[in-house]
Amino acid sequence: MSSIVSIKHLDDYNNSEMEKAVFSAFENFSLKLKPRSTVLIKPALPENANPDLARTTHPSVVQTIVNYFSSLGHKCIVADSPYKKYSQTSLEELYLNTGMLGVANNTTCELNNDLSTTTIEFQKGVKAKSFTLLDVVNRVDAIINVGKLKMDNKIGYVGATQNLFGLVPGELKTQILNQMEEIEDFNHYLIDLYELLKDKLTLNVLDAVVTLEAEKTQRMLSFVGVSDCPFALDACACEILGLNMRDTIVGTAIKRGVVDETPYKLKDAKIEDFSLEDYNLYEFNNKTKITKSTRKFNRFLNHGTKKVVIDASKCKGCGVCSKICPSKAIMMKLDKNGELYACVDQSKCIHCFKCYTACPYSVVEVKESHKYKKIQKEIHKYDDEN
């Protein structure tokens, strides 16, 4: 069954106009929330960028959504995690630079400053059998996914569904991406994440007032989209951009039977009201390799500057890390009390970090040197410029 997508025209981020548009779009959906629910609002905040750079969800969109749910008596928590080390300092910088601190000051919402994480088993997953996520996910009744439409030089189209990836804490996101060979692998990971969260995922919003084309040029699309299905919203956005949705995560979701062949029905507007013929797109499809020279260099660099560490006193002895290790570098041993624990042979470790991702108790750590941090910063700078 196709999902409804509501599109509202907006020429800028004026707060009063934004509120009229978003509140009106929300009326198309039946929100089944219990009274005084706790609602997680998840904007796209992948980097400490000024909102005017069009890389992050604009604060006006977030503030409007907070006001809407607060007016219904719900508690709102805004949360995301940066790609760098997940710490109190990095979170404070993120909220300040992306305008979320201003949203908190202007509304009753709370900014998530809880650094704890949770690992959730998901045996039905195609690409992932468990997920390590921000613990705030466990403490809320509903999730409002608020993505930003833009083009990315590694995976192409970025919209509503990809925004869920921000619920993975800090640098773990980079490590997960480093394990993906093709864009379709990452698509499957995101679809698994959606399947895990879909019971809490109440609405999806896409900020497409000002977007980012390929080569990082800004482009007005002048709309905000809303749907109860992120794939439907992405399919609609692809049609507006002139992008074949089957070359994106929507195509992977259709193949998996997660959404229909025709994923959406449009309300409040027509595609031709927004369609463009000259939107600057990267030429990507689902079989495009994510692997680039920087990713290969990352793995090479890891050998000298990163290592896997397992605290034997915290290890639960489940053996998941040992089973998943491709180089057989992790052995299960008995301590003096006869309890199993995992031990890493650093000479065999190939630094794939699959153990870090798979550990259901978040016991596996990846330690890095100052040298790694310095070179990694240069890599990110190179990627941004190219």
Protein backbone atom coordinates (compact mmCIF):
# COMPACT_ATOMS: atom_id res chain seq x y z
CA MET A 1 0.00 0.00 0.00
CA SER A 2 1.32 3.44 -0.97
CA SER A 3 1.99 5.98 1.78
CA ILE A 4 0.82 9.57 1.78
CA VAL A 5 3.39 12.29 1.17
CA SER A 6 2.43 15.87 1.94
CA ILE A 7 4.48 18.60 0.25
CA LYS A 8 4.30 22.24 1.34
CA HIS A 9 5.83 25.14 -0.60
CA LEU A 10 8.16 27.49 1.31
CA ASP A 11 10.48 30.14 -0.11
CA ASP A 12 12.52 30.59 3.06
CA TYR A 13 12.83 29.57 6.72
CA ASN A 14 10.52 32.24 8.14
CA ASN A 15 9.29 30.78 11.43
CA SER A 16 5.62 31.77 11.09
CA GLU A 17 5.37 30.47 7.51
CA MET A 18 7.19 27.30 8.47
CA GLU A 19 4.73 26.70 11.30
CA LYS A 20 1.71 27.17 9.02
CA ALA A 21 3.14 24.76 6.43
CA VAL A 22 4.29 22.00 8.79
CA PHE A 23 1.23 22.12 11.05
CA SER A 24 -0.99 21.87 7.95
CA ALA A 25 1.01 18.91 6.59
CA PHE A 26 0.78 17.08 9.92
CA GLU A 27 -3.02 17.24 9.72
CA ASN A 28 -2.87 14.63 6.93
CA PHE A 29 -1.64 12.00 9.38
CA SER A 30 -3.23 10.26 12.34
CA LEU A 31 -0.74 10.47 15.20
CA LYS A 32 -1.43 7.64 17.62
CA LEU A 33 0.50 8.87 20.63
CA LYS A 34 -0.50 8.27 24.21
CA PRO A 35 -0.98 11.41 26.34
CA ARG A 36 2.21 13.08 27.58
CA SER A 37 4.48 10.95 25.43
CA THR A 38 8.22 11.51 25.18
CA VAL A 39 9.12 12.30 21.57
CA LEU A 40 12.61 12.06 20.08
CA ILE A 41 13.16 14.61 17.32
CA LYS A 42 16.09 13.48 15.18
CA PRO A 43 17.44 16.22 12.86
CA ALA A 44 20.30 15.77 10.40
CA LEU A 45 23.36 17.17 12.18
CA PRO A 46 26.26 15.29 10.60
CA GLU A 47 28.83 18.00 11.18
CA ASN A 48 29.35 21.21 13.14
CA ALA A 49 28.08 23.31 10.24
CA ASN A 50 26.27 26.63 10.29
CA PRO A 51 22.66 26.04 9.14
CA ASP A 52 23.16 28.54 6.31
CA LEU A 53 25.53 26.05 4.62
CA ALA A 54 22.53 23.79 3.83
CA ARG A 55 24.23 20.67 5.22
CA THR A 56 22.05 20.31 8.31
CA THR A 57 18.34 20.41 9.12
CA HIS A 58 17.47 24.07 9.58
CA PRO A 59 16.65 25.12 13.18
CA SER A 60 13.36 26.65 11.99
CA VAL A 61 12.12 23.21 10.93
CA VAL A 62 13.14 21.62 14.23
CA GLN A 63 11.68 24.44 16.32
CA THR A 64 8.36 24.18 14.48
CA ILE A 65 8.14 20.44 15.14
CA VAL A 66 9.03 20.93 18.82
CA ASN A 67 6.30 23.56 19.13
CA TYR A 68 3.76 21.26 17.51
CA PHE A 69 4.32 18.30 19.81
CA SER A 70 4.80 20.48 22.88
CA SER A 71 1.42 22.10 22.20
CA LEU A 72 -0.12 18.63 22.41
CA GLY A 73 1.40 18.09 25.85
CA HIS A 74 4.31 15.87 24.80
CA LYS A 75 7.90 16.11 26.00
CA CYS A 76 10.43 16.68 23.20
CA ILE A 77 14.07 15.58 23.14
CA VAL A 78 16.34 16.64 20.25
CA ALA A 79 19.18 14.19 19.62
CA ASP A 80 21.90 13.34 17.12
CA SER A 81 25.57 12.37 17.28
CA PRO A 82 28.61 13.77 15.45
CA TYR A 83 30.88 11.60 13.30
CA LYS A 84 33.82 12.32 15.58
CA LYS A 85 34.33 11.09 19.14
CA TYR A 86 31.02 10.95 21.00
CA SER A 87 31.72 13.14 24.03
CA GLN A 88 30.13 15.92 26.04
CA THR A 89 32.38 18.47 24.33
CA SER A 90 31.56 17.27 20.81
CA LEU A 91 27.82 17.27 21.57
CA GLU A 92 27.94 20.80 22.96
CA GLU A 93 29.79 21.99 19.85
CA LEU A 94 27.30 20.21 17.62
CA TYR A 95 24.24 21.75 19.24
CA LEU A 96 25.79 25.22 19.33
CA ASN A 97 27.07 25.33 15.74
CA THR A 98 23.97 23.81 14.13
CA GLY A 99 21.52 26.11 15.92
CA MET A 100 19.96 23.45 18.14
CA LEU A 101 21.01 25.28 21.29
CA GLY A 102 18.96 28.21 20.03
CA VAL A 103 15.99 25.89 19.50
CA ALA A 104 16.28 24.69 23.10
CA ASN A 105 16.46 28.26 24.37
CA ASN A 106 13.34 29.23 22.40
CA THR A 107 11.22 26.19 23.27
CA THR A 108 10.61 23.68 26.04
CA CYS A 109 12.59 20.91 24.35
CA GLU A 110 15.55 19.11 25.91
CA LEU A 111 18.84 18.49 24.11
CA ASN A 112 20.10 14.95 24.62
CA ASN A 113 23.37 15.03 26.53
CA ASP A 114 23.28 11.41 27.66
CA LEU A 115 26.35 9.67 26.25
CA SER A 116 25.18 6.17 27.10
CA THR A 117 24.50 3.70 24.31
CA THR A 118 22.44 0.56 23.95
CA THR A 119 22.99 -2.56 21.86
CA ILE A 120 19.88 -4.19 20.43
CA GLU A 121 19.80 -7.63 18.84
CA PHE A 122 18.01 -7.85 15.47
CA GLN A 123 18.28 -11.36 14.08
CA LYS A 124 15.93 -10.58 11.17
CA GLY A 125 18.44 -8.14 9.73
CA VAL A 126 19.88 -8.71 6.26
CA LYS A 127 23.07 -6.72 6.81
CA ALA A 128 23.09 -6.19 10.58
CA LYS A 129 22.11 -8.61 13.35
CA SER A 130 22.56 -6.05 16.12
CA PHE A 131 22.71 -2.27 16.45
CA THR A 132 24.55 -0.03 18.88
CA LEU A 133 22.47 3.16 19.20
CA LEU A 134 22.08 6.22 21.39
CA ASP A 135 20.40 5.05 24.58
CA VAL A 136 17.82 7.84 24.28
CA VAL A 137 16.07 5.60 21.73
CA ASN A 138 15.05 3.34 24.61
CA ARG A 139 13.65 6.23 26.65
CA VAL A 140 11.18 7.65 24.14
CA ASP A 141 7.72 6.67 22.96
CA ALA A 142 8.02 8.04 19.43
CA ILE A 143 10.64 9.20 16.91
CA ILE A 144 10.19 12.10 14.49
CA ASN A 145 12.81 11.72 11.77
CA VAL A 146 13.76 15.14 10.33
CA GLY A 147 16.15 14.73 7.40
CA LYS A 148 17.92 17.14 5.05
CA LEU A 149 17.85 16.71 1.28
CA LYS A 150 21.35 16.90 -0.19
CA MET A 151 23.83 15.14 -2.43
CA ASP A 152 26.79 13.33 -0.85
CA ASN A 153 30.04 12.61 -2.68
CA LYS A 154 30.24 9.06 -1.25
CA ILE A 155 26.68 7.69 -1.46
CA GLY A 156 24.82 10.12 -3.74
CA TYR A 157 21.26 11.00 -2.71
CA VAL A 158 20.70 11.68 1.00
CA GLY A 159 17.22 12.25 2.37
CA ALA A 160 14.85 10.93 5.03
CA THR A 161 15.90 7.29 5.46
CA GLN A 162 19.65 7.97 5.67
CA ASN A 163 19.01 10.37 8.55
CA LEU A 164 18.30 7.44 10.88
CA PHE A 165 22.02 6.59 10.70
CA GLY A 166 22.67 9.50 13.07
CA LEU A 167 21.27 7.39 15.91
CA VAL A 168 24.50 5.35 15.72
CA PRO A 169 26.96 6.96 18.15
CA GLY A 170 29.95 8.98 17.01
CA GLU A 171 32.84 7.34 15.22
CA LEU A 172 31.07 3.99 15.05
CA LYS A 173 29.32 5.40 11.97
CA THR A 174 32.63 5.74 10.14
CA GLN A 175 33.67 2.23 11.16
CA ILE A 176 30.39 0.80 9.86
CA LEU A 177 30.75 2.64 6.54
CA ASN A 178 34.29 1.28 6.24
CA GLN A 179 32.84 -2.24 6.27
CA MET A 180 30.50 -1.56 3.34
CA GLU A 181 31.65 -2.46 -0.17
CA GLU A 182 28.75 -1.11 -2.24
CA ILE A 183 26.09 1.52 -1.64
CA GLU A 184 23.51 -1.28 -1.65
CA ASP A 185 25.23 -2.84 1.39
CA PHE A 186 24.74 0.42 3.26
CA ASN A 187 21.14 0.59 2.00
CA HIS A 188 20.45 -2.83 3.52
CA TYR A 189 21.98 -1.71 6.80
CA LEU A 190 19.70 1.36 6.86
CA ILE A 191 16.64 -0.70 5.97
CA ASP A 192 17.47 -3.09 8.82
CA LEU A 193 17.70 -0.06 11.11
CA TYR A 194 14.33 1.18 9.87
CA GLU A 195 12.77 -2.24 10.49
CA LEU A 196 14.15 -2.18 14.03
CA LEU A 197 12.74 1.28 14.77
CA LYS A 198 9.56 1.38 12.68
CA ASP A 199 7.16 0.82 15.58
CA LYS A 200 8.44 4.04 17.17
CA LEU A 201 8.98 5.94 13.91
CA THR A 202 5.89 8.16 13.87
CA LEU A 203 6.60 10.77 11.18
CA ASN A 204 9.33 11.66 8.70
CA VAL A 205 10.03 15.23 7.65
CA LEU A 206 12.37 16.35 4.86
CA ASP A 207 13.89 19.84 4.82
CA ALA A 208 14.22 20.72 1.12
CA VAL A 209 13.79 24.48 1.25
CA VAL A 210 17.48 25.02 0.49
CA THR A 211 19.39 21.91 -0.57
CA LEU A 212 22.92 20.93 -1.50
CA GLU A 213 23.62 19.81 -5.07
CA ALA A 214 26.69 17.92 -6.21
CA GLU A 215 29.88 19.97 -5.91
CA LYS A 216 28.32 21.46 -2.75
CA THR A 217 26.42 24.22 -4.47
CA GLN A 218 23.21 25.39 -2.82
CA ARG A 219 19.89 25.11 -4.63
CA MET A 220 16.41 26.21 -3.68
CA LEU A 221 13.80 23.45 -3.91
CA SER A 222 11.39 25.43 -1.73
CA PHE A 223 9.50 22.66 0.02
CA VAL A 224 9.12 20.68 3.20
CA GLY A 225 7.84 17.11 2.85
CA VAL A 226 6.10 14.93 5.43
CA SER A 227 5.21 11.23 5.41
CA ASP A 228 4.75 8.34 7.80
CA CYS A 229 7.16 6.34 5.59
CA PRO A 230 10.73 7.56 4.93
CA PHE A 231 11.01 5.58 1.68
CA ALA A 232 7.85 7.21 0.31
CA LEU A 233 9.27 10.63 1.12
CA ASP A 234 12.58 9.75 -0.55
CA ALA A 235 10.79 8.36 -3.63
CA CYS A 236 8.88 11.62 -4.02
CA ALA A 237 12.06 13.68 -3.61
CA CYS A 238 13.83 11.54 -6.24
CA GLU A 239 11.06 12.23 -8.74
CA ILE A 240 11.34 15.96 -8.09
CA LEU A 241 15.12 15.82 -8.65
CA GLY A 242 14.82 13.76 -11.81
CA LEU A 243 16.64 10.87 -10.12
CA ASN A 244 15.66 7.26 -10.75
CA MET A 245 14.46 6.11 -7.33
CA ARG A 246 15.55 2.54 -8.14
CA ASP A 247 19.15 3.75 -8.10
CA THR A 248 18.71 4.81 -4.47
CA ILE A 249 17.74 3.21 -1.16
CA VAL A 250 14.12 3.24 -2.36
CA GLY A 251 15.00 0.67 -5.02
CA THR A 252 16.62 -1.59 -2.42
CA ALA A 253 13.53 -1.25 -0.19
CA ILE A 254 11.25 -2.20 -3.13
CA LYS A 255 13.36 -5.30 -3.86
CA ARG A 256 13.12 -6.34 -0.23
CA GLY A 257 9.35 -5.86 -0.22
CA VAL A 258 9.49 -3.17 2.46
CA VAL A 259 7.52 -0.75 0.24
CA ASP A 260 5.30 -1.02 -2.83
CA GLU A 261 6.44 -0.60 -6.43
CA THR A 262 4.63 2.75 -6.29
CA PRO A 263 5.72 3.91 -2.84
CA TYR A 264 3.71 7.12 -2.40
CA LYS A 265 0.59 9.18 -3.08
CA LEU A 266 1.12 12.93 -3.15
CA LYS A 267 -1.11 15.41 -1.33
CA ASP A 268 -1.24 19.22 -1.25
CA ALA A 269 0.91 19.70 -4.36
CA LYS A 270 1.93 18.33 -7.76
CA ILE A 271 5.33 17.01 -8.72
CA GLU A 272 5.51 19.44 -11.63
CA ASP A 273 5.25 22.34 -9.18
CA PHE A 274 8.75 21.48 -7.96
CA SER A 275 10.37 19.30 -10.64
CA LEU A 276 13.78 20.29 -11.99
CA GLU A 277 15.60 19.15 -15.10
CA ASP A 278 19.04 20.50 -14.25
CA TYR A 279 19.62 19.54 -10.62
CA ASN A 280 23.31 18.72 -10.28
CA LEU A 281 23.43 15.03 -9.32
CA TYR A 282 26.33 12.69 -8.63
CA GLU A 283 26.18 9.65 -10.89
CA PHE A 284 25.61 6.88 -8.35
CA ASN A 285 23.58 3.70 -8.26
CA ASN A 286 23.19 0.91 -5.72
CA LYS A 287 26.12 -1.04 -7.16
CA THR A 288 28.53 1.89 -6.90
CA LYS A 289 31.50 1.04 -4.71
CA ILE A 290 31.76 2.99 -1.48
CA THR A 291 35.41 1.95 -1.35
CA LYS A 292 37.62 4.89 -2.31
CA SER A 293 41.30 5.61 -1.77
CA THR A 294 40.55 7.35 1.53
CA ARG A 295 38.69 4.29 2.87
CA LYS A 296 41.52 1.97 1.83
CA PHE A 297 43.96 4.35 3.46
CA ASN A 298 41.84 4.32 6.60
CA ARG A 299 42.24 0.55 6.89
CA PHE A 300 45.98 0.77 6.21
CA LEU A 301 46.33 3.55 8.78
CA ASN A 302 44.43 1.56 11.39
CA HIS A 303 47.19 -1.07 11.52
CA GLY A 304 49.66 1.34 13.08
CA THR A 305 47.45 3.68 15.02
CA LYS A 306 44.39 1.79 16.29
CA LYS A 307 43.90 -1.37 18.27
CA VAL A 308 41.03 -3.40 19.68
CA VAL A 309 40.90 -3.60 23.48
CA ILE A 310 38.60 -5.85 25.52
CA ASP A 311 38.34 -5.32 29.27
CA ALA A 312 38.33 -8.86 30.68
CA SER A 313 36.63 -7.68 33.88
CA LYS A 314 33.63 -6.40 31.88
CA CYS A 315 33.46 -9.16 29.26
CA LYS A 316 30.35 -11.37 29.54
CA GLY A 317 31.96 -14.31 27.77
CA CYS A 318 29.23 -14.58 25.11
CA GLY A 319 31.76 -15.32 22.35
CA VAL A 320 30.11 -13.16 19.68
CA CYS A 321 33.34 -11.29 18.93
CA SER A 322 35.34 -14.51 18.63
CA LYS A 323 32.84 -16.03 16.20
CA ILE A 324 32.67 -12.97 13.95
CA CYS A 325 36.44 -12.30 13.81
CA PRO A 326 37.62 -13.16 10.25
CA SER A 327 41.29 -13.52 11.24
CA LYS A 328 40.66 -15.66 14.36
CA ALA A 329 42.42 -13.04 16.45
CA ILE A 330 40.01 -13.29 19.38
CA MET A 331 40.19 -16.30 21.68
CA MET A 332 37.92 -17.25 24.56
CA LYS A 333 39.78 -18.01 27.78
CA LEU A 334 38.89 -18.92 31.36
CA ASP A 335 39.73 -16.62 34.23
CA LYS A 336 40.69 -17.82 37.72
CA ASN A 337 36.99 -18.17 38.62
CA GLY A 338 36.28 -20.35 35.61
CA GLU A 339 34.45 -17.55 33.75
CA LEU A 340 34.92 -17.09 30.00
CA TYR A 341 36.36 -13.85 28.64
CA ALA A 342 37.63 -12.66 25.25
CA CYS A 343 41.31 -12.02 24.59
CA VAL A 344 42.74 -10.28 21.49
CA ASP A 345 45.93 -11.42 19.75
CA GLN A 346 47.14 -8.08 18.34
CA SER A 347 49.53 -9.81 15.93
CA LYS A 348 46.58 -11.43 14.12
CA CYS A 349 44.15 -8.50 14.27
CA ILE A 350 43.40 -7.02 10.83
CA HIS A 351 41.58 -3.98 12.27
CA CYS A 352 38.24 -4.59 10.58
CA PHE A 353 36.49 -3.75 13.87
CA LYS A 354 33.66 -6.19 13.26
CA CYS A 355 33.99 -7.24 16.90
CA TYR A 356 33.42 -3.64 18.00
CA THR A 357 30.23 -3.42 15.95
CA ALA A 358 28.93 -6.85 16.95
CA CYS A 359 29.54 -6.83 20.72
CA PRO A 360 26.08 -6.94 22.34
CA TYR A 361 27.41 -5.50 25.62
CA SER A 362 29.56 -2.62 24.26
CA VAL A 363 32.63 -4.09 25.96
CA VAL A 364 34.94 -3.96 22.92
CA GLU A 365 36.79 -0.65 22.59
CA VAL A 366 38.90 0.82 19.80
CA LYS A 367 41.83 2.83 21.09
CA GLU A 368 43.48 5.38 18.81
CA SER A 369 46.64 7.42 18.95
CA HIS A 370 47.11 11.17 18.60
CA LYS A 371 48.78 10.51 15.24
CA TYR A 372 45.66 8.80 13.96
CA LYS A 373 43.42 11.69 15.00
CA LYS A 374 45.65 14.19 13.24
CA ILE A 375 45.81 12.26 9.97
CA GLN A 376 42.09 11.40 10.12
CA LYS A 377 41.33 15.12 10.35
CA GLU A 378 43.31 15.67 7.16
CA ILE A 379 41.40 12.83 5.45
CA HIS A 380 38.03 14.38 6.35
CA LYS A 381 39.27 17.75 5.09
CA TYR A 382 40.34 16.15 1.78
CA ASP A 383 36.94 14.40 1.39
CA ASP A 384 35.10 17.66 2.03
CA GLU A 385 37.14 19.47 -0.60
CA ASN A 386 36.82 16.70 -3.21
